[in-house]
């Protein structure tokens, strides 16, 4: 089954854990300002970012919340490689579930949030441009992105789900679950993240469990 453009875009975004955040400089010149940031997705497919209040990009989005996030796929030919520019508004996010989701990917960020001047932000998309390959340009709207990110029946605590824990135990590599989405499973492996991508989109959490039961990676 071929993925629709919005699904391809979300699959790319879900499998990337850093990107380039572009914001509007908070001064009279107003030039674009780009910086590399770690990120992961919430359960609705929106990027979560932890930013320092002292950073230039944070001062920028406080003054003007408009921003974009660029992620890209592998490939020696940049013009032929997939890439996604998500545009939207940056919003502070006090959601406890979002915090748990971010820390499951980046546990060291807990100290940043609790002891230093960092806050959790969410990029709420108003649109996107996805380039699937050379001359394959797609403009995507929020409803299509939201539908592509939907995983029916996913529990709030995926890390503690017995089926996912059993999958990690079968692999026998000391990994833990960081997150799950329609396009794959993200595992924590020491200080790094490992992506187990699906060949096709999973519409429900039950389908995820079925696929992992047959996965050998």
N, C-alpha and C. Protein backbone atom coordinates (compact mmCIF):
# COMPACT_ATOMS: atom_id res chain seq x y z
N UNK A 1 0.85 -1.19 0.00
CA UNK A 1 0.00 0.00 0.00
C UNK A 1 0.88 1.24 0.00
N UNK A 2 0.63 2.15 -0.94
CA UNK A 2 1.41 3.37 -1.03
C UNK A 2 0.86 4.41 -0.06
N UNK A 3 1.75 5.09 0.66
CA UNK A 3 1.32 6.11 1.60
C UNK A 3 0.94 7.38 0.85
N UNK A 4 -0.10 8.05 1.33
CA UNK A 4 -0.48 9.35 0.80
C UNK A 4 0.59 10.37 1.21
N UNK A 5 0.66 11.53 0.52
CA UNK A 5 1.69 12.51 0.86
C UNK A 5 1.71 12.92 2.33
N UNK A 6 0.54 13.14 2.92
CA UNK A 6 0.50 13.53 4.35
C UNK A 6 1.04 12.41 5.23
N UNK A 7 0.77 11.16 4.86
CA UNK A 7 1.28 10.02 5.62
C UNK A 7 2.79 9.89 5.45
N UNK A 8 3.29 10.10 4.24
CA UNK A 8 4.73 10.08 4.03
C UNK A 8 5.41 11.16 4.87
N UNK A 9 4.79 12.34 4.92
CA UNK A 9 5.35 13.44 5.69
C UNK A 9 5.41 13.11 7.18
N UNK A 10 4.32 12.55 7.71
CA UNK A 10 4.31 12.19 9.13
C UNK A 10 5.27 11.06 9.44
N UNK A 11 5.41 10.11 8.51
CA UNK A 11 6.37 9.03 8.71
C UNK A 11 7.78 9.60 8.80
N UNK A 12 8.10 10.56 7.96
CA UNK A 12 9.41 11.20 8.01
C UNK A 12 9.59 11.95 9.32
N UNK A 13 8.59 12.73 9.70
CA UNK A 13 8.67 13.54 10.92
C UNK A 13 8.79 12.67 12.16
N UNK A 14 8.04 11.56 12.20
CA UNK A 14 8.06 10.69 13.37
C UNK A 14 9.40 9.99 13.56
N UNK A 15 10.12 9.80 12.47
CA UNK A 15 11.39 9.10 12.56
C UNK A 15 12.59 10.00 12.71
N UNK A 16 12.36 11.30 12.85
CA UNK A 16 13.45 12.26 13.05
C UNK A 16 13.36 12.83 14.47
N UNK A 17 14.49 12.97 15.11
CA UNK A 17 14.49 13.45 16.50
C UNK A 17 15.28 14.74 16.67
N UNK A 18 15.52 15.40 15.55
CA UNK A 18 16.06 16.75 15.57
C UNK A 18 15.68 17.42 14.26
N UNK A 19 15.73 18.72 14.23
CA UNK A 19 15.40 19.47 13.04
C UNK A 19 15.92 20.88 13.16
N UNK A 20 15.60 21.70 12.17
CA UNK A 20 16.01 23.10 12.17
C UNK A 20 14.78 23.96 12.42
N UNK A 21 14.80 24.67 13.54
CA UNK A 21 13.72 25.58 13.91
C UNK A 21 14.05 26.97 13.37
N UNK A 22 13.14 27.52 12.57
CA UNK A 22 13.32 28.86 12.04
C UNK A 22 12.29 29.79 12.68
N UNK A 23 12.77 30.91 13.20
CA UNK A 23 11.91 31.89 13.86
C UNK A 23 12.24 33.27 13.33
N UNK A 24 11.46 34.26 13.76
CA UNK A 24 11.63 35.64 13.31
C UNK A 24 12.42 36.40 14.37
N UNK A 25 13.55 36.96 13.98
CA UNK A 25 14.40 37.68 14.94
C UNK A 25 13.62 38.75 15.68
N UNK A 26 13.78 38.75 17.00
CA UNK A 26 13.04 39.68 17.86
C UNK A 26 13.77 41.02 17.94
N UNK A 27 13.95 41.65 16.80
CA UNK A 27 14.52 43.00 16.76
C UNK A 27 13.94 43.74 15.58
N UNK A 28 14.37 44.95 15.38
CA UNK A 28 13.76 45.77 14.34
C UNK A 28 14.03 45.26 12.92
N UNK A 29 15.04 44.39 12.77
CA UNK A 29 15.36 43.89 11.44
C UNK A 29 14.45 42.76 11.01
N UNK A 30 14.09 41.88 11.93
CA UNK A 30 13.15 40.82 11.64
C UNK A 30 13.61 39.77 10.66
N UNK A 31 14.91 39.50 10.62
CA UNK A 31 15.42 38.48 9.72
C UNK A 31 15.08 37.08 10.25
N UNK A 32 14.97 36.07 9.36
CA UNK A 32 14.80 34.69 9.83
C UNK A 32 16.03 34.23 10.61
N UNK A 33 15.78 33.41 11.63
CA UNK A 33 16.86 32.88 12.47
C UNK A 33 16.64 31.38 12.58
N UNK A 34 17.64 30.59 12.22
CA UNK A 34 17.51 29.14 12.22
C UNK A 34 18.46 28.51 13.22
N UNK A 35 18.00 27.47 13.90
CA UNK A 35 18.84 26.77 14.87
C UNK A 35 18.42 25.31 14.93
N UNK A 36 19.38 24.45 15.19
CA UNK A 36 19.10 23.02 15.28
C UNK A 36 18.61 22.68 16.68
N UNK A 37 17.52 21.89 16.77
CA UNK A 37 16.91 21.57 18.05
C UNK A 37 16.50 20.10 18.08
N UNK A 38 16.55 19.47 19.25
CA UNK A 38 15.97 18.13 19.39
C UNK A 38 14.45 18.24 19.43
N UNK A 39 13.77 17.21 18.96
CA UNK A 39 12.31 17.24 18.97
C UNK A 39 11.76 15.83 18.89
N UNK A 40 10.51 15.69 19.28
CA UNK A 40 9.77 14.45 19.07
C UNK A 40 8.31 14.85 18.89
N UNK A 41 7.45 13.90 18.59
CA UNK A 41 6.05 14.20 18.32
C UNK A 41 5.16 13.83 19.49
N UNK A 42 4.10 14.63 19.71
CA UNK A 42 3.09 14.25 20.68
C UNK A 42 2.16 13.23 20.02
N UNK A 43 1.12 12.81 20.74
CA UNK A 43 0.25 11.76 20.24
C UNK A 43 -0.57 12.23 19.05
N UNK A 44 -0.65 13.55 18.81
CA UNK A 44 -1.39 14.08 17.67
C UNK A 44 -0.49 14.43 16.50
N UNK A 45 0.79 14.13 16.62
CA UNK A 45 1.71 14.39 15.53
C UNK A 45 2.29 15.79 15.51
N UNK A 46 2.15 16.53 16.62
CA UNK A 46 2.72 17.88 16.70
C UNK A 46 4.10 17.82 17.34
N UNK A 47 5.08 18.55 16.81
CA UNK A 47 6.43 18.53 17.38
C UNK A 47 6.47 19.16 18.78
N UNK A 48 7.21 18.50 19.67
CA UNK A 48 7.50 19.01 21.01
C UNK A 48 8.97 19.39 21.07
N UNK A 49 9.25 20.56 21.67
CA UNK A 49 10.62 21.05 21.77
C UNK A 49 10.84 21.62 23.17
N UNK A 50 12.01 21.39 23.72
CA UNK A 50 12.40 21.99 25.00
C UNK A 50 13.43 23.07 24.71
N UNK A 51 13.08 24.31 25.05
CA UNK A 51 13.92 25.46 24.70
C UNK A 51 14.31 26.25 25.94
N UNK A 52 15.52 26.75 25.95
CA UNK A 52 16.00 27.60 27.04
C UNK A 52 15.44 29.01 26.87
N UNK A 53 15.05 29.62 27.99
CA UNK A 53 14.55 30.99 27.94
C UNK A 53 15.65 31.98 27.54
N UNK A 54 16.90 31.57 27.67
CA UNK A 54 18.01 32.45 27.32
C UNK A 54 18.36 32.39 25.83
N UNK A 55 17.86 31.37 25.14
CA UNK A 55 18.24 31.17 23.73
C UNK A 55 17.59 32.22 22.83
N UNK A 56 18.28 32.53 21.74
CA UNK A 56 17.75 33.52 20.80
C UNK A 56 16.42 33.06 20.20
N UNK A 57 16.33 31.76 19.86
CA UNK A 57 15.08 31.30 19.24
C UNK A 57 13.90 31.42 20.20
N UNK A 58 14.15 31.28 21.51
CA UNK A 58 13.06 31.43 22.48
C UNK A 58 12.62 32.89 22.58
N UNK A 59 13.58 33.79 22.62
CA UNK A 59 13.21 35.21 22.63
C UNK A 59 12.42 35.56 21.37
N UNK A 60 12.79 34.92 20.27
CA UNK A 60 12.08 35.20 19.03
C UNK A 60 10.62 34.75 19.08
N UNK A 61 10.38 33.51 19.52
CA UNK A 61 9.01 32.98 19.49
C UNK A 61 8.14 33.58 20.59
N UNK A 62 8.74 34.08 21.65
CA UNK A 62 7.97 34.81 22.65
C UNK A 62 7.42 36.10 22.05
N UNK A 63 8.25 36.77 21.25
CA UNK A 63 7.84 38.02 20.61
C UNK A 63 6.92 37.78 19.43
N UNK A 64 7.15 36.69 18.69
CA UNK A 64 6.36 36.37 17.50
C UNK A 64 6.32 34.86 17.39
N UNK A 65 5.18 34.23 17.67
CA UNK A 65 5.13 32.77 17.74
C UNK A 65 5.25 32.06 16.40
N UNK A 66 5.22 32.78 15.29
CA UNK A 66 5.31 32.13 13.99
C UNK A 66 6.69 31.49 13.80
N UNK A 67 6.67 30.24 13.36
CA UNK A 67 7.94 29.50 13.22
C UNK A 67 7.74 28.38 12.21
N UNK A 68 8.85 27.76 11.83
CA UNK A 68 8.80 26.57 11.00
C UNK A 68 9.85 25.58 11.48
N UNK A 69 9.59 24.32 11.20
CA UNK A 69 10.53 23.25 11.55
C UNK A 69 10.82 22.44 10.30
N UNK A 70 12.10 22.30 9.99
CA UNK A 70 12.55 21.54 8.82
C UNK A 70 13.17 20.23 9.28
N UNK A 71 12.72 19.12 8.68
CA UNK A 71 13.35 17.81 8.87
C UNK A 71 13.57 17.20 7.49
N UNK A 72 14.50 16.26 7.41
CA UNK A 72 14.85 15.70 6.11
C UNK A 72 15.24 14.24 6.24
N UNK A 73 15.15 13.53 5.14
CA UNK A 73 15.52 12.12 5.11
C UNK A 73 16.91 11.92 4.55
N UNK A 74 17.33 10.67 4.55
CA UNK A 74 18.67 10.33 4.09
C UNK A 74 18.74 10.39 2.57
N UNK A 75 19.96 10.61 2.09
CA UNK A 75 20.20 10.61 0.65
C UNK A 75 21.34 11.54 0.31
N UNK A 76 22.24 11.07 -0.54
CA UNK A 76 23.39 11.90 -0.92
C UNK A 76 22.97 13.09 -1.77
N UNK A 77 21.93 12.92 -2.58
CA UNK A 77 21.44 13.99 -3.42
C UNK A 77 20.34 14.73 -2.67
N UNK A 78 20.66 15.90 -2.16
CA UNK A 78 19.70 16.66 -1.35
C UNK A 78 18.44 16.97 -2.14
N UNK A 79 18.58 17.24 -3.46
CA UNK A 79 17.41 17.58 -4.26
C UNK A 79 16.45 16.40 -4.41
N UNK A 80 16.96 15.19 -4.27
CA UNK A 80 16.12 14.01 -4.43
C UNK A 80 15.65 13.43 -3.10
N UNK A 81 16.23 13.86 -1.99
CA UNK A 81 15.88 13.31 -0.68
C UNK A 81 14.57 13.94 -0.18
N UNK A 82 13.78 13.21 0.60
CA UNK A 82 12.55 13.79 1.14
C UNK A 82 12.85 14.84 2.21
N UNK A 83 12.03 15.85 2.29
CA UNK A 83 12.14 16.84 3.34
C UNK A 83 10.79 17.49 3.58
N UNK A 84 10.62 17.94 4.81
CA UNK A 84 9.34 18.50 5.25
C UNK A 84 9.58 19.79 5.99
N UNK A 85 8.87 20.84 5.59
CA UNK A 85 8.86 22.10 6.33
C UNK A 85 7.47 22.28 6.92
N UNK A 86 7.41 22.22 8.23
CA UNK A 86 6.15 22.38 8.95
C UNK A 86 6.08 23.82 9.46
N UNK A 87 5.03 24.56 9.12
CA UNK A 87 4.89 25.93 9.59
C UNK A 87 3.74 26.03 10.58
N UNK A 88 3.90 26.91 11.57
CA UNK A 88 2.85 27.02 12.58
C UNK A 88 3.21 28.02 13.65
N UNK A 89 2.55 27.89 14.78
CA UNK A 89 2.72 28.80 15.91
C UNK A 89 3.29 28.04 17.10
N UNK A 90 4.30 28.60 17.71
CA UNK A 90 4.91 28.00 18.90
C UNK A 90 4.10 28.38 20.13
N UNK A 91 3.79 27.38 20.96
CA UNK A 91 3.00 27.60 22.16
C UNK A 91 3.63 26.88 23.34
N UNK A 92 3.71 27.55 24.48
CA UNK A 92 4.14 26.89 25.71
C UNK A 92 3.16 25.78 26.04
N UNK A 93 3.67 24.65 26.52
CA UNK A 93 2.83 23.48 26.73
C UNK A 93 3.02 22.93 28.14
N UNK A 94 2.05 23.17 29.03
CA UNK A 94 2.16 22.62 30.39
C UNK A 94 1.58 21.21 30.52
N UNK A 95 1.17 20.61 29.41
CA UNK A 95 0.52 19.30 29.40
C UNK A 95 1.44 18.23 29.98
N UNK A 96 0.98 17.56 31.04
CA UNK A 96 1.80 16.53 31.66
C UNK A 96 2.07 15.35 30.74
N UNK A 97 1.09 14.99 29.88
CA UNK A 97 1.30 13.89 28.96
C UNK A 97 2.38 14.25 27.94
N UNK A 98 2.38 15.50 27.47
CA UNK A 98 3.39 15.93 26.52
C UNK A 98 4.78 15.89 27.16
N UNK A 99 4.86 16.29 28.42
CA UNK A 99 6.14 16.24 29.13
C UNK A 99 6.64 14.80 29.24
N UNK A 100 5.75 13.88 29.61
CA UNK A 100 6.16 12.47 29.71
C UNK A 100 6.61 11.94 28.36
N UNK A 101 5.92 12.34 27.32
CA UNK A 101 6.28 11.90 25.96
C UNK A 101 7.68 12.39 25.59
N UNK A 102 7.94 13.67 25.87
CA UNK A 102 9.26 14.22 25.54
C UNK A 102 10.36 13.54 26.36
N UNK A 103 10.12 13.37 27.65
CA UNK A 103 11.15 12.79 28.52
C UNK A 103 11.37 11.30 28.22
N UNK A 104 10.38 10.63 27.66
CA UNK A 104 10.60 9.24 27.27
C UNK A 104 11.61 9.16 26.12
N UNK A 105 11.68 10.23 25.31
CA UNK A 105 12.66 10.29 24.24
C UNK A 105 13.99 10.87 24.72
N UNK A 106 13.91 11.90 25.56
CA UNK A 106 15.12 12.61 26.00
C UNK A 106 15.09 12.74 27.54
N UNK A 107 15.37 11.66 28.26
CA UNK A 107 15.24 11.70 29.73
C UNK A 107 16.13 12.72 30.40
N UNK A 108 17.28 13.05 29.81
CA UNK A 108 18.18 14.04 30.42
C UNK A 108 17.55 15.42 30.46
N UNK A 109 16.50 15.65 29.64
CA UNK A 109 15.87 16.97 29.61
C UNK A 109 15.06 17.25 30.87
N UNK A 110 14.81 16.24 31.69
CA UNK A 110 14.11 16.47 32.94
C UNK A 110 14.84 17.45 33.83
N UNK A 111 16.16 17.35 33.88
CA UNK A 111 16.95 18.29 34.68
C UNK A 111 16.86 19.69 34.10
N UNK A 112 16.81 19.79 32.77
CA UNK A 112 16.68 21.11 32.16
C UNK A 112 15.37 21.77 32.57
N UNK A 113 14.29 20.98 32.56
CA UNK A 113 12.97 21.52 32.86
C UNK A 113 12.81 21.83 34.35
N UNK A 114 13.40 20.99 35.21
CA UNK A 114 13.18 21.14 36.65
C UNK A 114 14.18 22.07 37.32
N UNK A 115 15.39 22.13 36.79
CA UNK A 115 16.45 22.85 37.50
C UNK A 115 16.99 24.06 36.74
N UNK A 116 16.77 24.10 35.45
CA UNK A 116 17.31 25.18 34.64
C UNK A 116 16.16 25.98 34.01
N UNK A 117 16.51 26.88 33.11
CA UNK A 117 15.51 27.81 32.58
C UNK A 117 14.92 27.32 31.26
N UNK A 118 14.52 26.05 31.21
CA UNK A 118 13.97 25.47 29.99
C UNK A 118 12.47 25.25 30.14
N UNK A 119 11.76 25.35 29.02
CA UNK A 119 10.32 25.11 28.99
C UNK A 119 9.99 24.21 27.82
N UNK A 120 8.84 23.53 27.95
CA UNK A 120 8.35 22.66 26.88
C UNK A 120 7.44 23.48 25.96
N UNK A 121 7.71 23.38 24.66
CA UNK A 121 6.93 24.08 23.65
C UNK A 121 6.36 23.07 22.66
N UNK A 122 5.26 23.48 22.03
CA UNK A 122 4.63 22.68 20.98
C UNK A 122 4.47 23.55 19.73
N UNK A 123 4.77 23.00 18.57
CA UNK A 123 4.53 23.70 17.32
C UNK A 123 3.18 23.24 16.76
N UNK A 124 2.20 24.13 16.76
CA UNK A 124 0.88 23.82 16.24
C UNK A 124 0.84 24.22 14.77
N UNK A 125 0.71 23.23 13.92
CA UNK A 125 0.86 23.46 12.49
C UNK A 125 -0.33 24.21 11.90
N UNK A 126 -0.04 25.10 10.98
CA UNK A 126 -1.07 25.72 10.15
C UNK A 126 -0.90 25.29 8.70
N UNK A 127 0.13 24.53 8.41
CA UNK A 127 0.36 24.03 7.06
C UNK A 127 1.75 23.43 6.96
N UNK A 128 2.02 22.86 5.81
CA UNK A 128 3.33 22.23 5.61
C UNK A 128 3.60 22.11 4.12
N UNK A 129 4.88 22.02 3.78
CA UNK A 129 5.30 21.66 2.44
C UNK A 129 6.16 20.41 2.54
N UNK A 130 5.75 19.38 1.83
CA UNK A 130 6.48 18.12 1.84
C UNK A 130 7.01 17.86 0.44
N UNK A 131 8.31 17.65 0.34
CA UNK A 131 8.94 17.30 -0.92
C UNK A 131 9.33 15.83 -0.83
N UNK A 132 8.60 14.99 -1.55
CA UNK A 132 8.82 13.55 -1.48
C UNK A 132 10.05 13.11 -2.26
N UNK A 133 10.46 13.92 -3.20
CA UNK A 133 11.62 13.64 -4.05
C UNK A 133 11.71 14.74 -5.09
N UNK A 134 12.57 14.55 -6.03
CA UNK A 134 12.78 15.59 -7.04
C UNK A 134 11.48 15.92 -7.76
N UNK A 135 11.09 17.22 -7.71
CA UNK A 135 9.88 17.74 -8.38
C UNK A 135 8.59 17.11 -7.87
N UNK A 136 8.60 16.59 -6.63
CA UNK A 136 7.40 16.01 -6.03
C UNK A 136 7.02 16.85 -4.81
N UNK A 137 6.37 17.96 -5.05
CA UNK A 137 6.06 18.95 -4.02
C UNK A 137 4.58 18.86 -3.65
N UNK A 138 4.33 18.80 -2.33
CA UNK A 138 2.95 18.69 -1.84
C UNK A 138 2.72 19.74 -0.75
N UNK A 139 1.65 20.50 -0.89
CA UNK A 139 1.21 21.41 0.17
C UNK A 139 0.20 20.67 1.03
N UNK A 140 0.42 20.68 2.33
CA UNK A 140 -0.41 19.91 3.25
C UNK A 140 -1.11 20.84 4.24
N UNK A 141 -2.36 20.55 4.53
CA UNK A 141 -3.14 21.34 5.48
C UNK A 141 -3.30 20.59 6.80
N UNK A 142 -3.59 21.30 7.90
CA UNK A 142 -3.69 20.66 9.22
C UNK A 142 -4.63 19.45 9.29
N UNK A 143 -5.82 19.46 8.67
CA UNK A 143 -6.68 18.27 8.78
C UNK A 143 -6.02 17.01 8.22
N UNK A 144 -5.31 17.14 7.10
CA UNK A 144 -4.64 15.98 6.52
C UNK A 144 -3.51 15.49 7.42
N UNK A 145 -2.77 16.42 8.01
CA UNK A 145 -1.69 16.05 8.92
C UNK A 145 -2.23 15.37 10.17
N UNK A 146 -3.34 15.92 10.71
CA UNK A 146 -3.93 15.35 11.92
C UNK A 146 -4.44 13.94 11.65
N UNK A 147 -5.09 13.73 10.51
CA UNK A 147 -5.61 12.41 10.17
C UNK A 147 -4.47 11.41 9.99
N UNK A 148 -3.37 11.86 9.40
CA UNK A 148 -2.24 10.97 9.17
C UNK A 148 -1.57 10.55 10.47
N UNK A 149 -1.70 11.37 11.52
CA UNK A 149 -1.04 11.07 12.80
C UNK A 149 -1.90 10.21 13.73
N UNK A 150 -3.16 10.01 13.37
CA UNK A 150 -4.09 9.32 14.27
C UNK A 150 -3.75 7.84 14.40
N UNK A 151 -3.63 7.39 15.64
CA UNK A 151 -3.43 5.97 15.96
C UNK A 151 -4.51 5.58 16.96
N UNK A 152 -5.54 4.94 16.49
CA UNK A 152 -6.68 4.63 17.34
C UNK A 152 -6.31 3.60 18.41
N UNK A 153 -6.83 3.86 19.62
CA UNK A 153 -6.68 2.91 20.71
C UNK A 153 -5.33 2.90 21.39
N UNK A 154 -4.48 3.89 21.11
CA UNK A 154 -3.16 3.91 21.76
C UNK A 154 -3.30 4.28 23.23
N UNK A 155 -2.69 3.52 24.14
CA UNK A 155 -2.77 3.85 25.56
C UNK A 155 -1.94 5.08 25.89
N UNK A 156 -2.30 5.74 26.99
CA UNK A 156 -1.55 6.93 27.40
C UNK A 156 -0.12 6.58 27.77
N UNK A 157 0.08 5.40 28.37
CA UNK A 157 1.41 4.98 28.80
C UNK A 157 1.89 3.83 27.92
N UNK A 158 2.46 4.17 26.77
CA UNK A 158 2.93 3.11 25.87
C UNK A 158 4.16 2.42 26.44
N UNK A 159 4.97 3.17 27.20
CA UNK A 159 6.21 2.59 27.74
C UNK A 159 5.91 1.43 28.67
N UNK A 160 4.79 1.49 29.37
CA UNK A 160 4.45 0.44 30.32
C UNK A 160 3.54 -0.64 29.76
N UNK A 161 3.24 -0.59 28.48
CA UNK A 161 2.32 -1.57 27.92
C UNK A 161 2.99 -2.95 27.86
N UNK A 162 2.32 -3.98 28.37
CA UNK A 162 2.94 -5.32 28.43
C UNK A 162 3.39 -5.85 27.08
N UNK A 163 2.59 -5.60 26.03
CA UNK A 163 2.96 -6.09 24.71
C UNK A 163 4.23 -5.46 24.19
N UNK A 164 4.39 -4.16 24.41
CA UNK A 164 5.60 -3.48 23.95
C UNK A 164 6.80 -3.86 24.81
N UNK A 165 6.58 -4.03 26.11
CA UNK A 165 7.67 -4.48 26.97
C UNK A 165 8.12 -5.88 26.58
N UNK A 166 7.15 -6.73 26.22
CA UNK A 166 7.50 -8.09 25.80
C UNK A 166 8.31 -8.07 24.51
N UNK A 167 7.97 -7.15 23.61
CA UNK A 167 8.73 -7.02 22.37
C UNK A 167 10.18 -6.65 22.67
N UNK A 168 10.37 -5.69 23.56
CA UNK A 168 11.74 -5.30 23.94
C UNK A 168 12.48 -6.46 24.59
N UNK A 169 11.77 -7.20 25.43
CA UNK A 169 12.41 -8.34 26.09
C UNK A 169 12.85 -9.39 25.07
N UNK A 170 12.03 -9.62 24.03
CA UNK A 170 12.40 -10.61 23.00
C UNK A 170 13.65 -10.16 22.25
N UNK A 171 13.80 -8.87 22.06
CA UNK A 171 14.98 -8.38 21.36
C UNK A 171 16.24 -8.57 22.21
N UNK A 172 16.09 -8.50 23.55
CA UNK A 172 17.19 -8.80 24.45
C UNK A 172 18.35 -7.84 24.39
N UNK A 173 18.08 -6.56 24.13
CA UNK A 173 19.15 -5.59 23.99
C UNK A 173 19.09 -4.47 25.03
N UNK A 174 18.27 -4.69 26.06
CA UNK A 174 18.18 -3.70 27.12
C UNK A 174 17.51 -2.40 26.71
N UNK A 175 16.65 -2.46 25.69
CA UNK A 175 15.99 -1.25 25.19
C UNK A 175 14.68 -1.02 25.93
N UNK A 176 14.18 0.21 25.84
CA UNK A 176 12.88 0.56 26.41
C UNK A 176 12.10 1.35 25.37
N UNK A 177 10.78 1.40 25.55
CA UNK A 177 9.91 2.07 24.60
C UNK A 177 9.90 3.57 24.86
N UNK A 178 10.13 4.35 23.81
CA UNK A 178 10.04 5.81 23.92
C UNK A 178 8.72 6.31 23.35
N UNK A 179 8.23 5.70 22.29
CA UNK A 179 6.99 6.15 21.69
C UNK A 179 6.55 5.24 20.57
N UNK A 180 5.30 5.38 20.19
CA UNK A 180 4.74 4.60 19.09
C UNK A 180 3.81 5.50 18.30
N UNK A 181 3.72 5.26 17.01
CA UNK A 181 2.88 6.05 16.12
C UNK A 181 2.47 5.16 14.95
N UNK A 182 1.65 5.64 14.02
CA UNK A 182 1.20 4.76 12.94
C UNK A 182 2.30 4.25 12.02
N UNK A 183 3.49 4.82 12.12
CA UNK A 183 4.55 4.51 11.16
C UNK A 183 5.73 3.77 11.77
N UNK A 184 5.68 3.53 13.07
CA UNK A 184 6.77 2.78 13.66
C UNK A 184 6.84 2.90 15.16
N UNK A 185 7.85 2.28 15.71
CA UNK A 185 8.12 2.25 17.15
C UNK A 185 9.48 2.89 17.40
N UNK A 186 9.56 3.72 18.43
CA UNK A 186 10.82 4.35 18.80
C UNK A 186 11.27 3.76 20.13
N UNK A 187 12.50 3.26 20.15
CA UNK A 187 13.08 2.65 21.34
C UNK A 187 14.23 3.49 21.85
N UNK A 188 14.38 3.49 23.18
CA UNK A 188 15.58 4.09 23.78
C UNK A 188 16.63 3.00 23.91
N UNK A 189 17.82 3.30 23.40
CA UNK A 189 18.93 2.36 23.46
C UNK A 189 20.10 3.10 24.08
N UNK A 190 20.28 2.95 25.39
CA UNK A 190 21.31 3.72 26.08
C UNK A 190 20.97 5.19 26.02
N UNK A 191 21.88 5.99 25.47
CA UNK A 191 21.65 7.43 25.34
C UNK A 191 21.07 7.81 23.98
N UNK A 192 20.81 6.81 23.15
CA UNK A 192 20.34 7.09 21.80
C UNK A 192 18.93 6.58 21.56
N UNK A 193 18.41 6.90 20.38
CA UNK A 193 17.08 6.47 19.98
C UNK A 193 17.19 5.59 18.74
N UNK A 194 16.37 4.56 18.70
CA UNK A 194 16.37 3.60 17.60
C UNK A 194 14.96 3.54 17.03
N UNK A 195 14.85 3.63 15.73
CA UNK A 195 13.55 3.63 15.07
C UNK A 195 13.29 2.29 14.39
N UNK A 196 12.14 1.68 14.71
CA UNK A 196 11.67 0.48 14.05
C UNK A 196 10.52 0.91 13.15
N UNK A 197 10.78 1.09 11.86
CA UNK A 197 9.79 1.61 10.94
C UNK A 197 8.92 0.48 10.37
N UNK A 198 7.63 0.78 10.17
CA UNK A 198 6.71 -0.18 9.54
C UNK A 198 6.74 0.02 8.02
N UNK A 199 6.44 -1.03 7.30
CA UNK A 199 6.38 -0.95 5.85
C UNK A 199 5.14 -0.18 5.38
N UNK A 200 4.05 -0.29 6.15
CA UNK A 200 2.81 0.41 5.83
C UNK A 200 2.24 1.03 7.10
N UNK A 201 1.30 1.92 6.95
CA UNK A 201 0.71 2.62 8.09
C UNK A 201 -0.15 1.68 8.92
N UNK A 202 -0.01 1.78 10.24
CA UNK A 202 -0.88 1.05 11.16
C UNK A 202 -2.02 1.98 11.58
N UNK A 203 -3.25 1.55 11.40
CA UNK A 203 -4.40 2.40 11.70
C UNK A 203 -4.77 2.37 13.18
N UNK A 204 -4.35 1.34 13.88
CA UNK A 204 -4.73 1.19 15.29
C UNK A 204 -3.57 0.63 16.09
N UNK A 205 -3.67 0.78 17.41
CA UNK A 205 -2.64 0.23 18.29
C UNK A 205 -2.62 -1.29 18.21
N UNK A 206 -3.79 -1.89 17.98
CA UNK A 206 -3.84 -3.34 17.82
C UNK A 206 -3.02 -3.80 16.64
N UNK A 207 -3.07 -3.05 15.54
CA UNK A 207 -2.25 -3.40 14.38
C UNK A 207 -0.76 -3.25 14.68
N UNK A 208 -0.42 -2.27 15.50
CA UNK A 208 0.98 -2.11 15.91
C UNK A 208 1.46 -3.37 16.63
N UNK A 209 0.66 -3.84 17.58
CA UNK A 209 1.05 -5.02 18.33
C UNK A 209 1.16 -6.25 17.42
N UNK A 210 0.27 -6.36 16.46
CA UNK A 210 0.35 -7.48 15.52
C UNK A 210 1.65 -7.45 14.72
N UNK A 211 2.02 -6.27 14.27
CA UNK A 211 3.22 -6.15 13.45
C UNK A 211 4.48 -6.42 14.29
N UNK A 212 4.50 -5.93 15.50
CA UNK A 212 5.68 -6.16 16.34
C UNK A 212 5.79 -7.61 16.73
N UNK A 213 4.68 -8.30 16.79
CA UNK A 213 4.73 -9.72 17.09
C UNK A 213 5.43 -10.51 16.02
N UNK A 214 5.40 -9.99 14.79
CA UNK A 214 6.05 -10.66 13.66
C UNK A 214 7.34 -10.01 13.23
N UNK A 215 7.71 -8.90 13.90
CA UNK A 215 8.91 -8.15 13.49
C UNK A 215 10.16 -8.82 14.03
N UNK A 216 11.14 -8.91 13.21
CA UNK A 216 12.46 -9.38 13.64
C UNK A 216 13.48 -8.37 13.15
N UNK A 217 14.04 -7.55 14.06
CA UNK A 217 14.97 -6.49 13.64
C UNK A 217 16.31 -6.68 14.29
